[in-house]
Structures are given as structure tokens and as C-alpha cells.
Amino acid sequence: MHVLFEFLPLILFLAAYLYKGIYVALGVLMVAMPIGLLVKYVRTKKIDRMYLWSTIFLLLAGAATFYFRNPKFLYWKPTAFYWVVGAAFLLSTWIGDRPLVKRFFDSATELQTDKLTGTQWTRLNLVWVIFFVVMGGLNIYVAYNFPEKFWVNFKVFGLMGITVVFMLAQGFWLISKMDSDTDNNIEEKP
């Protein structure tokens, strides 16, 4: 149920796009995202920062799209968002007490993240930086080289699907590292 709620604004965007086109879909998304943010806050009493910034980026790109009557501003929204998030992950290597990827897994999971070394977290953080840069490039490549309808489907299903696969891979990698660390500790004890 929680996962469906997370993607409900995108599902509404796609449905509105298929019904009336990009501008109606954008309007629906610009209403759905802030409502989703508010509902998440009411349910958890926490502001989801990624969702907040994605909503802000959407509202800015959406306003520019409507003002200039040019959907290219909307096309650039995922790319700009991914690249800014990638830059934040990169900067977190040097700013703060731990990389953003560790903060993310500390808050989003119940894994014992202290079993990984600082070097492992830094490397994993760099993997996330590369992921965000590639995703931003991939989005804008599709936006400029394929029809709008293809881009809309790619935004809803492609970017989401790639992100889910990436997150699952990271989770499995973390679990395998923590399991191997546990196995090594068991073998070392007499």
C-alpha cells in the first residue's frame, strides 16, 4: 500500500496525459505532489526531503512550462533533480559526518549499517553519484530523441523501474556484506 501511495502522483500524471495531454497531466501532477507530501507528513510526522525537493523542482519546472507553454522545462525536471541530488551525494563525501547514502540507509532501513567501513560507504556513495548522473543523462536523451508519449511512459515506468532495480541491488549488496561480516565474526570466535 505504501509503495502504491509513493507512485500515485506518477500514475495520475500518466492517466491525465493519456486522457488530455501534457498540460493537463502536468496540472494534475502539480496538485498531486504537494498533497502527497502533506499526507506523508501527517502520517509520519516527518518531512521526506527527497519528496520535498522533487516537489519543489516540479513546481518550478511546471510553472515555467505553463508560463512559456513549452514542455521542455518539464522534460528537464528529472534531469536537473537527479543531477542536483548526485551533486549533494558527492559533496556529502567531504561535508558532514557521513555520506548521504549511509544517512539514507540509516533512516530507511533497520540494517546495522555500522558493520560497513567508511571506505565501503564512500565507494557506495560514489556509485549513487554515478547512478544519478547517468539517470539524468538518460532522461534528457530520451526527452530529446523520442516522441513525447514515449518520454512520458519512460518517465513513469522506465525511470521508476531502473530506480527500483538499483535500490534492490543496493539492498542485496548491503545484506551480503553484513552477512559475510557476521560469518567472518562467527568463524573467528573459538
N, C-alpha and C. Protein backbone atom coordinates (compact mmCIF):
# COMPACT_ATOMS: atom_id res chain seq x y z
N MET A 1 0.83 -1.19 0.00
CA MET A 1 0.00 0.00 0.00
C MET A 1 0.87 1.26 0.00
N HIS A 2 1.93 1.24 0.84
CA HIS A 2 2.82 2.38 0.94
C HIS A 2 3.51 2.66 -0.39
N VAL A 3 3.94 1.61 -1.09
CA VAL A 3 4.63 1.77 -2.38
C VAL A 3 3.68 2.36 -3.41
N LEU A 4 2.43 1.89 -3.44
CA LEU A 4 1.45 2.43 -4.37
C LEU A 4 1.23 3.91 -4.11
N PHE A 5 1.15 4.29 -2.84
CA PHE A 5 0.96 5.69 -2.49
C PHE A 5 2.11 6.55 -2.99
N GLU A 6 3.33 6.02 -2.89
CA GLU A 6 4.51 6.76 -3.34
C GLU A 6 4.43 7.10 -4.83
N PHE A 7 3.89 6.19 -5.62
CA PHE A 7 3.87 6.38 -7.06
C PHE A 7 2.53 6.87 -7.59
N LEU A 8 1.59 7.13 -6.71
CA LEU A 8 0.27 7.59 -7.13
C LEU A 8 0.32 8.87 -7.96
N PRO A 9 1.12 9.88 -7.58
CA PRO A 9 1.18 11.07 -8.44
C PRO A 9 1.63 10.75 -9.87
N LEU A 10 2.59 9.84 -10.03
CA LEU A 10 3.03 9.47 -11.38
C LEU A 10 1.94 8.72 -12.14
N ILE A 11 1.21 7.88 -11.44
CA ILE A 11 0.11 7.14 -12.08
C ILE A 11 -0.97 8.12 -12.53
N LEU A 12 -1.27 9.10 -11.67
CA LEU A 12 -2.25 10.13 -12.04
C LEU A 12 -1.75 10.97 -13.22
N PHE A 13 -0.45 11.26 -13.23
CA PHE A 13 0.16 12.01 -14.33
C PHE A 13 -0.03 11.25 -15.64
N LEU A 14 0.27 9.96 -15.63
CA LEU A 14 0.13 9.15 -16.84
C LEU A 14 -1.33 9.08 -17.29
N ALA A 15 -2.24 8.86 -16.37
CA ALA A 15 -3.66 8.78 -16.72
C ALA A 15 -4.14 10.10 -17.32
N ALA A 16 -3.76 11.21 -16.71
CA ALA A 16 -4.16 12.52 -17.23
C ALA A 16 -3.54 12.79 -18.59
N TYR A 17 -2.29 12.35 -18.77
CA TYR A 17 -1.63 12.53 -20.07
C TYR A 17 -2.38 11.77 -21.15
N LEU A 18 -2.73 10.53 -20.86
CA LEU A 18 -3.44 9.71 -21.86
C LEU A 18 -4.83 10.28 -22.14
N TYR A 19 -5.40 10.94 -21.14
CA TYR A 19 -6.75 11.50 -21.30
C TYR A 19 -6.73 12.83 -22.05
N LYS A 20 -5.84 13.76 -21.67
CA LYS A 20 -5.91 15.12 -22.20
C LYS A 20 -4.58 15.74 -22.60
N GLY A 21 -3.47 15.06 -22.48
CA GLY A 21 -2.21 15.64 -22.93
C GLY A 21 -1.32 16.15 -21.82
N ILE A 22 -0.20 16.70 -22.21
CA ILE A 22 0.88 17.05 -21.29
C ILE A 22 0.51 18.15 -20.31
N TYR A 23 -0.24 19.15 -20.74
CA TYR A 23 -0.54 20.27 -19.84
C TYR A 23 -1.54 19.88 -18.75
N VAL A 24 -2.53 19.11 -19.08
CA VAL A 24 -3.47 18.61 -18.06
C VAL A 24 -2.73 17.68 -17.11
N ALA A 25 -1.88 16.81 -17.67
CA ALA A 25 -1.11 15.88 -16.84
C ALA A 25 -0.20 16.64 -15.88
N LEU A 26 0.43 17.69 -16.38
CA LEU A 26 1.30 18.50 -15.52
C LEU A 26 0.49 19.16 -14.41
N GLY A 27 -0.67 19.68 -14.73
CA GLY A 27 -1.52 20.30 -13.71
C GLY A 27 -1.91 19.29 -12.63
N VAL A 28 -2.27 18.10 -13.05
CA VAL A 28 -2.63 17.04 -12.09
C VAL A 28 -1.43 16.72 -11.20
N LEU A 29 -0.26 16.60 -11.80
CA LEU A 29 0.95 16.28 -11.03
C LEU A 29 1.29 17.41 -10.05
N MET A 30 1.10 18.65 -10.50
CA MET A 30 1.42 19.80 -9.63
C MET A 30 0.46 19.89 -8.44
N VAL A 31 -0.69 19.32 -8.54
CA VAL A 31 -1.62 19.26 -7.41
C VAL A 31 -1.33 18.01 -6.56
N ALA A 32 -1.08 16.89 -7.22
CA ALA A 32 -0.90 15.61 -6.51
C ALA A 32 0.37 15.58 -5.66
N MET A 33 1.46 16.13 -6.16
CA MET A 33 2.73 16.06 -5.40
C MET A 33 2.66 16.79 -4.06
N PRO A 34 2.20 18.05 -4.00
CA PRO A 34 2.10 18.69 -2.68
C PRO A 34 1.12 17.98 -1.74
N ILE A 35 0.02 17.47 -2.30
CA ILE A 35 -0.92 16.72 -1.47
C ILE A 35 -0.23 15.47 -0.93
N GLY A 36 0.51 14.77 -1.78
CA GLY A 36 1.25 13.59 -1.34
C GLY A 36 2.26 13.93 -0.25
N LEU A 37 2.93 15.05 -0.40
CA LEU A 37 3.90 15.49 0.60
C LEU A 37 3.20 15.76 1.93
N LEU A 38 2.06 16.42 1.88
CA LEU A 38 1.30 16.72 3.08
C LEU A 38 0.80 15.43 3.76
N VAL A 39 0.29 14.50 2.97
CA VAL A 39 -0.19 13.24 3.53
C VAL A 39 0.95 12.46 4.17
N LYS A 40 2.11 12.44 3.51
CA LYS A 40 3.27 11.75 4.10
C LYS A 40 3.66 12.39 5.43
N TYR A 41 3.60 13.71 5.48
CA TYR A 41 3.96 14.40 6.71
C TYR A 41 2.95 14.07 7.83
N VAL A 42 1.67 14.09 7.51
CA VAL A 42 0.64 13.80 8.50
C VAL A 42 0.80 12.36 9.02
N ARG A 43 1.11 11.43 8.13
CA ARG A 43 1.24 10.02 8.53
C ARG A 43 2.50 9.76 9.36
N THR A 44 3.62 10.40 8.99
CA THR A 44 4.90 10.07 9.64
C THR A 44 5.41 11.15 10.59
N LYS A 45 4.84 12.34 10.53
CA LYS A 45 5.31 13.50 11.30
C LYS A 45 6.75 13.88 10.93
N LYS A 46 7.17 13.50 9.72
CA LYS A 46 8.49 13.85 9.20
C LYS A 46 8.34 14.35 7.77
N ILE A 47 9.22 15.26 7.40
CA ILE A 47 9.26 15.74 6.01
C ILE A 47 10.24 14.84 5.26
N ASP A 48 9.76 14.20 4.21
CA ASP A 48 10.61 13.39 3.33
C ASP A 48 11.35 14.37 2.43
N ARG A 49 12.64 14.56 2.67
CA ARG A 49 13.40 15.60 1.96
C ARG A 49 13.49 15.36 0.46
N MET A 50 13.67 14.11 0.05
CA MET A 50 13.73 13.82 -1.38
C MET A 50 12.40 14.18 -2.05
N TYR A 51 11.31 13.81 -1.43
CA TYR A 51 9.98 14.10 -1.96
C TYR A 51 9.74 15.61 -1.96
N LEU A 52 10.18 16.28 -0.91
CA LEU A 52 10.03 17.73 -0.82
C LEU A 52 10.76 18.42 -1.97
N TRP A 53 12.02 18.05 -2.17
CA TRP A 53 12.81 18.70 -3.23
C TRP A 53 12.29 18.33 -4.61
N SER A 54 11.84 17.10 -4.77
CA SER A 54 11.25 16.72 -6.05
C SER A 54 9.99 17.55 -6.32
N THR A 55 9.20 17.80 -5.29
CA THR A 55 8.00 18.62 -5.43
C THR A 55 8.36 20.06 -5.78
N ILE A 56 9.37 20.59 -5.12
CA ILE A 56 9.81 21.97 -5.41
C ILE A 56 10.30 22.06 -6.86
N PHE A 57 11.13 21.12 -7.27
CA PHE A 57 11.61 21.12 -8.66
C PHE A 57 10.44 21.03 -9.63
N LEU A 58 9.47 20.17 -9.32
CA LEU A 58 8.31 20.02 -10.19
C LEU A 58 7.53 21.33 -10.28
N LEU A 59 7.28 21.97 -9.16
CA LEU A 59 6.51 23.22 -9.17
C LEU A 59 7.23 24.31 -9.96
N LEU A 60 8.55 24.38 -9.84
CA LEU A 60 9.31 25.37 -10.62
C LEU A 60 9.28 25.04 -12.11
N ALA A 61 9.56 23.78 -12.45
CA ALA A 61 9.56 23.38 -13.87
C ALA A 61 8.15 23.47 -14.44
N GLY A 62 7.16 23.11 -13.64
CA GLY A 62 5.78 23.18 -14.09
C GLY A 62 5.35 24.61 -14.34
N ALA A 63 5.70 25.51 -13.44
CA ALA A 63 5.36 26.92 -13.63
C ALA A 63 6.01 27.47 -14.90
N ALA A 64 7.27 27.12 -15.13
CA ALA A 64 7.95 27.57 -16.35
C ALA A 64 7.30 26.96 -17.60
N THR A 65 6.91 25.69 -17.50
CA THR A 65 6.24 25.03 -18.63
C THR A 65 4.94 25.74 -18.97
N PHE A 66 4.14 26.04 -17.96
CA PHE A 66 2.88 26.74 -18.21
C PHE A 66 3.11 28.17 -18.71
N TYR A 67 4.03 28.87 -18.09
CA TYR A 67 4.27 30.27 -18.45
C TYR A 67 4.74 30.40 -19.90
N PHE A 68 5.71 29.57 -20.28
CA PHE A 68 6.27 29.64 -21.63
C PHE A 68 5.55 28.74 -22.63
N ARG A 69 4.58 27.95 -22.13
CA ARG A 69 3.87 26.98 -22.97
C ARG A 69 4.86 26.11 -23.74
N ASN A 70 5.85 25.61 -22.99
CA ASN A 70 6.91 24.80 -23.58
C ASN A 70 7.21 23.63 -22.64
N PRO A 71 6.87 22.40 -23.06
CA PRO A 71 7.07 21.25 -22.17
C PRO A 71 8.54 20.88 -21.95
N LYS A 72 9.46 21.52 -22.64
CA LYS A 72 10.88 21.19 -22.43
C LYS A 72 11.33 21.49 -21.00
N PHE A 73 10.69 22.45 -20.36
CA PHE A 73 11.03 22.71 -18.95
C PHE A 73 10.67 21.50 -18.09
N LEU A 74 9.54 20.90 -18.39
CA LEU A 74 9.14 19.68 -17.68
C LEU A 74 10.08 18.53 -18.00
N TYR A 75 10.52 18.43 -19.24
CA TYR A 75 11.44 17.36 -19.62
C TYR A 75 12.73 17.45 -18.81
N TRP A 76 13.17 18.67 -18.52
CA TRP A 76 14.43 18.86 -17.80
C TRP A 76 14.30 18.64 -16.30
N LYS A 77 13.08 18.62 -15.77
CA LYS A 77 12.89 18.49 -14.32
C LYS A 77 13.58 17.25 -13.75
N PRO A 78 13.33 16.03 -14.29
CA PRO A 78 14.01 14.86 -13.71
C PRO A 78 15.53 14.96 -13.82
N THR A 79 16.01 15.47 -14.95
CA THR A 79 17.46 15.58 -15.14
C THR A 79 18.06 16.53 -14.12
N ALA A 80 17.48 17.72 -13.98
CA ALA A 80 18.00 18.69 -13.01
C ALA A 80 17.95 18.12 -11.60
N PHE A 81 16.84 17.46 -11.27
CA PHE A 81 16.70 16.88 -9.94
C PHE A 81 17.76 15.80 -9.70
N TYR A 82 17.90 14.88 -10.64
CA TYR A 82 18.91 13.82 -10.48
C TYR A 82 20.31 14.41 -10.34
N TRP A 83 20.63 15.40 -11.14
CA TRP A 83 21.98 15.96 -11.09
C TRP A 83 22.23 16.73 -9.80
N VAL A 84 21.23 17.44 -9.30
CA VAL A 84 21.40 18.14 -8.02
C VAL A 84 21.56 17.13 -6.88
N VAL A 85 20.75 16.07 -6.90
CA VAL A 85 20.87 15.03 -5.87
C VAL A 85 22.23 14.35 -5.97
N GLY A 86 22.68 14.07 -7.19
CA GLY A 86 24.01 13.48 -7.38
C GLY A 86 25.11 14.38 -6.82
N ALA A 87 24.98 15.68 -7.05
CA ALA A 87 25.96 16.64 -6.52
C ALA A 87 25.92 16.65 -4.99
N ALA A 88 24.73 16.57 -4.42
CA ALA A 88 24.61 16.54 -2.95
C ALA A 88 25.27 15.28 -2.39
N PHE A 89 25.05 14.14 -3.05
CA PHE A 89 25.69 12.90 -2.60
C PHE A 89 27.21 13.03 -2.69
N LEU A 90 27.70 13.61 -3.79
CA LEU A 90 29.14 13.78 -3.96
C LEU A 90 29.71 14.70 -2.88
N LEU A 91 29.06 15.82 -2.64
CA LEU A 91 29.55 16.76 -1.63
C LEU A 91 29.50 16.17 -0.23
N SER A 92 28.56 15.26 0.01
CA SER A 92 28.46 14.65 1.35
C SER A 92 29.67 13.81 1.70
N THR A 93 30.48 13.49 0.70
CA THR A 93 31.72 12.76 0.96
C THR A 93 32.66 13.60 1.82
N TRP A 94 32.61 14.91 1.63
CA TRP A 94 33.52 15.81 2.34
C TRP A 94 32.81 16.68 3.37
N ILE A 95 31.49 16.80 3.26
CA ILE A 95 30.73 17.66 4.18
C ILE A 95 29.84 16.78 5.04
N GLY A 96 29.89 17.00 6.32
CA GLY A 96 29.06 16.21 7.23
C GLY A 96 29.83 15.05 7.83
N ASP A 97 29.16 14.35 8.72
CA ASP A 97 29.83 13.28 9.45
C ASP A 97 29.78 11.94 8.73
N ARG A 98 28.92 11.80 7.71
CA ARG A 98 28.83 10.54 6.98
C ARG A 98 28.21 10.81 5.61
N PRO A 99 28.53 9.96 4.63
CA PRO A 99 27.98 10.16 3.30
C PRO A 99 26.46 10.04 3.30
N LEU A 100 25.81 10.71 2.35
CA LEU A 100 24.35 10.69 2.26
C LEU A 100 23.79 9.28 2.12
N VAL A 101 24.49 8.42 1.42
CA VAL A 101 23.97 7.07 1.23
C VAL A 101 23.85 6.35 2.58
N LYS A 102 24.78 6.58 3.47
CA LYS A 102 24.69 5.96 4.80
C LYS A 102 23.53 6.57 5.58
N ARG A 103 23.36 7.87 5.48
CA ARG A 103 22.23 8.53 6.15
C ARG A 103 20.91 7.97 5.63
N PHE A 104 20.86 7.76 4.31
CA PHE A 104 19.64 7.23 3.69
C PHE A 104 19.33 5.84 4.24
N PHE A 105 20.31 4.95 4.23
CA PHE A 105 20.07 3.59 4.71
C PHE A 105 19.85 3.55 6.22
N ASP A 106 20.47 4.46 6.97
CA ASP A 106 20.22 4.53 8.41
C ASP A 106 18.77 4.88 8.69
N SER A 107 18.21 5.80 7.91
CA SER A 107 16.84 6.25 8.18
C SER A 107 15.79 5.38 7.51
N ALA A 108 16.13 4.73 6.40
CA ALA A 108 15.13 3.98 5.63
C ALA A 108 15.07 2.50 5.96
N THR A 109 16.07 1.97 6.63
CA THR A 109 16.10 0.54 6.90
C THR A 109 16.45 0.29 8.36
N GLU A 110 16.35 -0.97 8.72
CA GLU A 110 16.74 -1.36 10.07
C GLU A 110 18.05 -2.16 10.04
N LEU A 111 18.80 -2.02 8.95
CA LEU A 111 20.08 -2.72 8.85
C LEU A 111 21.09 -2.11 9.81
N GLN A 112 22.00 -2.93 10.25
CA GLN A 112 23.07 -2.44 11.12
C GLN A 112 24.17 -1.89 10.23
N THR A 113 24.01 -0.63 9.85
CA THR A 113 24.91 -0.04 8.86
C THR A 113 26.31 0.21 9.40
N ASP A 114 26.50 0.10 10.69
CA ASP A 114 27.84 0.32 11.26
C ASP A 114 28.79 -0.84 10.96
N LYS A 115 28.29 -1.91 10.35
CA LYS A 115 29.16 -3.05 10.02
C LYS A 115 30.02 -2.78 8.79
N LEU A 116 29.67 -1.76 7.99
CA LEU A 116 30.47 -1.41 6.83
C LEU A 116 31.51 -0.37 7.21
N THR A 117 32.63 -0.41 6.55
CA THR A 117 33.70 0.55 6.83
C THR A 117 33.38 1.89 6.17
N GLY A 118 34.08 2.91 6.60
CA GLY A 118 33.94 4.23 5.99
C GLY A 118 34.28 4.21 4.51
N THR A 119 35.28 3.43 4.15
CA THR A 119 35.67 3.31 2.75
C THR A 119 34.56 2.67 1.92
N GLN A 120 33.93 1.64 2.48
CA GLN A 120 32.82 0.99 1.76
C GLN A 120 31.66 1.96 1.57
N TRP A 121 31.37 2.76 2.58
CA TRP A 121 30.29 3.74 2.45
C TRP A 121 30.65 4.81 1.42
N THR A 122 31.89 5.23 1.41
CA THR A 122 32.32 6.24 0.43
C THR A 122 32.21 5.69 -0.98
N ARG A 123 32.62 4.46 -1.18
CA ARG A 123 32.51 3.84 -2.52
C ARG A 123 31.05 3.68 -2.93
N LEU A 124 30.21 3.24 -2.00
CA LEU A 124 28.79 3.09 -2.31
C LEU A 124 28.17 4.45 -2.62
N ASN A 125 28.58 5.47 -1.90
CA ASN A 125 28.11 6.82 -2.16
C ASN A 125 28.47 7.26 -3.58
N LEU A 126 29.69 6.93 -4.01
CA LEU A 126 30.13 7.26 -5.37
C LEU A 126 29.30 6.51 -6.41
N VAL A 127 28.93 5.28 -6.11
CA VAL A 127 28.05 4.52 -7.02
C VAL A 127 26.73 5.26 -7.19
N TRP A 128 26.21 5.79 -6.10
CA TRP A 128 24.95 6.55 -6.18
C TRP A 128 25.14 7.84 -6.98
N VAL A 129 26.26 8.50 -6.83
CA VAL A 129 26.53 9.72 -7.62
C VAL A 129 26.49 9.37 -9.10
N ILE A 130 27.19 8.30 -9.48
CA ILE A 130 27.21 7.87 -10.87
C ILE A 130 25.81 7.52 -11.35
N PHE A 131 25.05 6.82 -10.51
CA PHE A 131 23.68 6.47 -10.85
C PHE A 131 22.85 7.72 -11.17
N PHE A 132 22.90 8.72 -10.30
CA PHE A 132 22.11 9.94 -10.52
C PHE A 132 22.55 10.69 -11.77
N VAL A 133 23.84 10.73 -12.03
CA VAL A 133 24.33 11.41 -13.23
C VAL A 133 23.85 10.69 -14.48
N VAL A 134 23.96 9.37 -14.49
CA VAL A 134 23.52 8.57 -15.64
C VAL A 134 22.01 8.69 -15.83
N MET A 135 21.25 8.63 -14.76
CA MET A 135 19.79 8.74 -14.88
C MET A 135 19.38 10.09 -15.44
N GLY A 136 20.04 11.15 -15.00
CA GLY A 136 19.74 12.48 -15.54
C GLY A 136 20.05 12.55 -17.01
N GLY A 137 21.20 12.00 -17.40
CA GLY A 137 21.56 11.98 -18.83
C GLY A 137 20.61 11.13 -19.65
N LEU A 138 20.22 10.01 -19.11
CA LEU A 138 19.30 9.12 -19.82
C LEU A 138 17.94 9.79 -20.02
N ASN A 139 17.45 10.47 -18.99
CA ASN A 139 16.16 11.17 -19.11
C ASN A 139 16.20 12.19 -20.23
N ILE A 140 17.22 13.02 -20.25
CA ILE A 140 17.24 14.10 -21.24
C ILE A 140 17.50 13.54 -22.64
N TYR A 141 18.25 12.45 -22.73
CA TYR A 141 18.45 11.79 -24.02
C TYR A 141 17.11 11.31 -24.58
N VAL A 142 16.32 10.64 -23.75
CA VAL A 142 15.01 10.15 -24.18
C VAL A 142 14.10 11.32 -24.52
N ALA A 143 14.12 12.38 -23.71
CA ALA A 143 13.23 13.52 -23.94
C ALA A 143 13.48 14.18 -25.29
N TYR A 144 14.74 14.24 -25.72
CA TYR A 144 15.07 14.93 -26.97
C TYR A 144 15.17 14.02 -28.18
N ASN A 145 15.15 12.73 -27.98
CA ASN A 145 15.33 11.81 -29.11
C ASN A 145 14.13 10.91 -29.39
N PHE A 146 13.09 11.04 -28.60
CA PHE A 146 11.91 10.20 -28.76
C PHE A 146 10.67 11.08 -28.67
N PRO A 147 9.55 10.59 -29.19
CA PRO A 147 8.30 11.37 -29.08
C PRO A 147 7.89 11.59 -27.63
N GLU A 148 7.08 12.62 -27.41
CA GLU A 148 6.64 12.97 -26.06
C GLU A 148 5.97 11.80 -25.35
N LYS A 149 5.12 11.08 -26.05
CA LYS A 149 4.41 9.95 -25.43
C LYS A 149 5.40 8.90 -24.93
N PHE A 150 6.46 8.65 -25.69
CA PHE A 150 7.48 7.70 -25.26
C PHE A 150 8.17 8.22 -23.99
N TRP A 151 8.49 9.53 -23.97
CA TRP A 151 9.15 10.10 -22.80
C TRP A 151 8.26 9.98 -21.56
N VAL A 152 6.96 10.26 -21.70
CA VAL A 152 6.04 10.16 -20.57
C VAL A 152 6.05 8.74 -20.02
N ASN A 153 5.95 7.75 -20.89
CA ASN A 153 6.00 6.35 -20.43
C ASN A 153 7.34 6.01 -19.81
N PHE A 154 8.41 6.52 -20.40
CA PHE A 154 9.75 6.28 -19.85
C PHE A 154 9.88 6.92 -18.47
N LYS A 155 9.36 8.14 -18.32
CA LYS A 155 9.43 8.82 -17.02
C LYS A 155 8.68 8.03 -15.96
N VAL A 156 7.49 7.55 -16.30
CA VAL A 156 6.66 6.85 -15.32
C VAL A 156 7.18 5.44 -15.05
N PHE A 157 7.46 4.68 -16.10
CA PHE A 157 7.84 3.27 -15.92
C PHE A 157 9.35 3.03 -15.99
N GLY A 158 10.03 3.68 -16.91
CA GLY A 158 11.46 3.44 -17.10
C GLY A 158 12.30 3.94 -15.95
N LEU A 159 12.17 5.24 -15.64
CA LEU A 159 12.97 5.81 -14.55
C LEU A 159 12.62 5.16 -13.22
N MET A 160 11.33 4.93 -13.00
CA MET A 160 10.91 4.28 -11.76
C MET A 160 11.45 2.85 -11.69
N GLY A 161 11.33 2.11 -12.78
CA GLY A 161 11.79 0.72 -12.81
C GLY A 161 13.29 0.61 -12.58
N ILE A 162 14.04 1.46 -13.26
CA ILE A 162 15.50 1.44 -13.10
C ILE A 162 15.87 1.78 -11.65
N THR A 163 15.18 2.75 -11.08
CA THR A 163 15.46 3.14 -9.69
C THR A 163 15.14 2.00 -8.72
N VAL A 164 14.03 1.33 -8.92
CA VAL A 164 13.66 0.21 -8.04
C VAL A 164 14.70 -0.91 -8.14
N VAL A 165 15.12 -1.25 -9.36
CA VAL A 165 16.14 -2.29 -9.54
C VAL A 165 17.45 -1.87 -8.87
N PHE A 166 17.83 -0.61 -9.04
CA PHE A 166 19.06 -0.11 -8.43
C PHE A 166 18.98 -0.19 -6.90
N MET A 167 17.85 0.22 -6.34
CA MET A 167 17.70 0.19 -4.89
C MET A 167 17.72 -1.25 -4.35
N LEU A 168 17.06 -2.15 -5.05
CA LEU A 168 17.08 -3.56 -4.63
C LEU A 168 18.50 -4.11 -4.68
N ALA A 169 19.23 -3.79 -5.74
CA ALA A 169 20.62 -4.26 -5.86
C ALA A 169 21.46 -3.73 -4.70
N GLN A 170 21.25 -2.46 -4.34
CA GLN A 170 21.99 -1.89 -3.22
C GLN A 170 21.64 -2.60 -1.91
N GLY A 171 20.35 -2.86 -1.73
CA GLY A 171 19.91 -3.57 -0.52
C GLY A 171 20.52 -4.96 -0.42
N PHE A 172 20.49 -5.70 -1.54
CA PHE A 172 21.08 -7.05 -1.53
C PHE A 172 22.58 -6.98 -1.29
N TRP A 173 23.25 -6.00 -1.88
CA TRP A 173 24.69 -5.85 -1.68
C TRP A 173 24.98 -5.59 -0.20
N LEU A 174 24.21 -4.67 0.40
CA LEU A 174 24.42 -4.37 1.81
C LEU A 174 24.19 -5.59 2.69
N ILE A 175 23.11 -6.30 2.43
CA ILE A 175 22.82 -7.50 3.21
C ILE A 175 23.92 -8.54 3.06
N SER A 176 24.42 -8.71 1.84
CA SER A 176 25.50 -9.69 1.62
C SER A 176 26.77 -9.28 2.37
N LYS A 177 27.07 -8.00 2.39
CA LYS A 177 28.25 -7.52 3.11
C LYS A 177 28.08 -7.72 4.61
N MET A 178 26.89 -7.50 5.10
CA MET A 178 26.65 -7.66 6.53
C MET A 178 26.61 -9.13 6.92
N ASP A 179 26.07 -9.98 6.05
CA ASP A 179 26.07 -11.42 6.30
C ASP A 179 27.48 -11.98 6.28
N SER A 180 28.30 -11.54 5.32
CA SER A 180 29.67 -12.05 5.25
C SER A 180 30.48 -11.59 6.45
N ASP A 181 30.18 -10.37 6.93
CA ASP A 181 30.85 -9.88 8.13
C ASP A 181 30.45 -10.71 9.34
N THR A 182 29.18 -11.07 9.42
CA THR A 182 28.70 -11.91 10.53
C THR A 182 29.33 -13.29 10.45
N ASP A 183 29.40 -13.87 9.23
CA ASP A 183 30.02 -15.18 9.05
C ASP A 183 31.48 -15.16 9.47
N ASN A 184 32.21 -14.07 9.11
CA ASN A 184 33.61 -13.97 9.48
C ASN A 184 33.77 -13.86 11.00
N ASN A 185 32.88 -13.13 11.65
CA ASN A 185 32.95 -13.00 13.12
C ASN A 185 32.68 -14.32 13.79
N ILE A 186 31.76 -15.12 13.26
CA ILE A 186 31.44 -16.42 13.84
C ILE A 186 32.63 -17.36 13.69
N GLU A 187 33.29 -17.33 12.53
CA GLU A 187 34.42 -18.22 12.30
C GLU A 187 35.62 -17.86 13.15
N GLU A 188 35.78 -16.55 13.46
CA GLU A 188 36.94 -16.12 14.24
C GLU A 188 36.82 -16.49 15.72
N LYS A 189 35.62 -16.68 16.22
CA LYS A 189 35.44 -16.98 17.65
C LYS A 189 35.79 -18.46 17.90
N PRO A 190 36.45 -18.74 19.03
CA PRO A 190 36.82 -20.14 19.32
C PRO A 190 35.64 -20.99 19.69
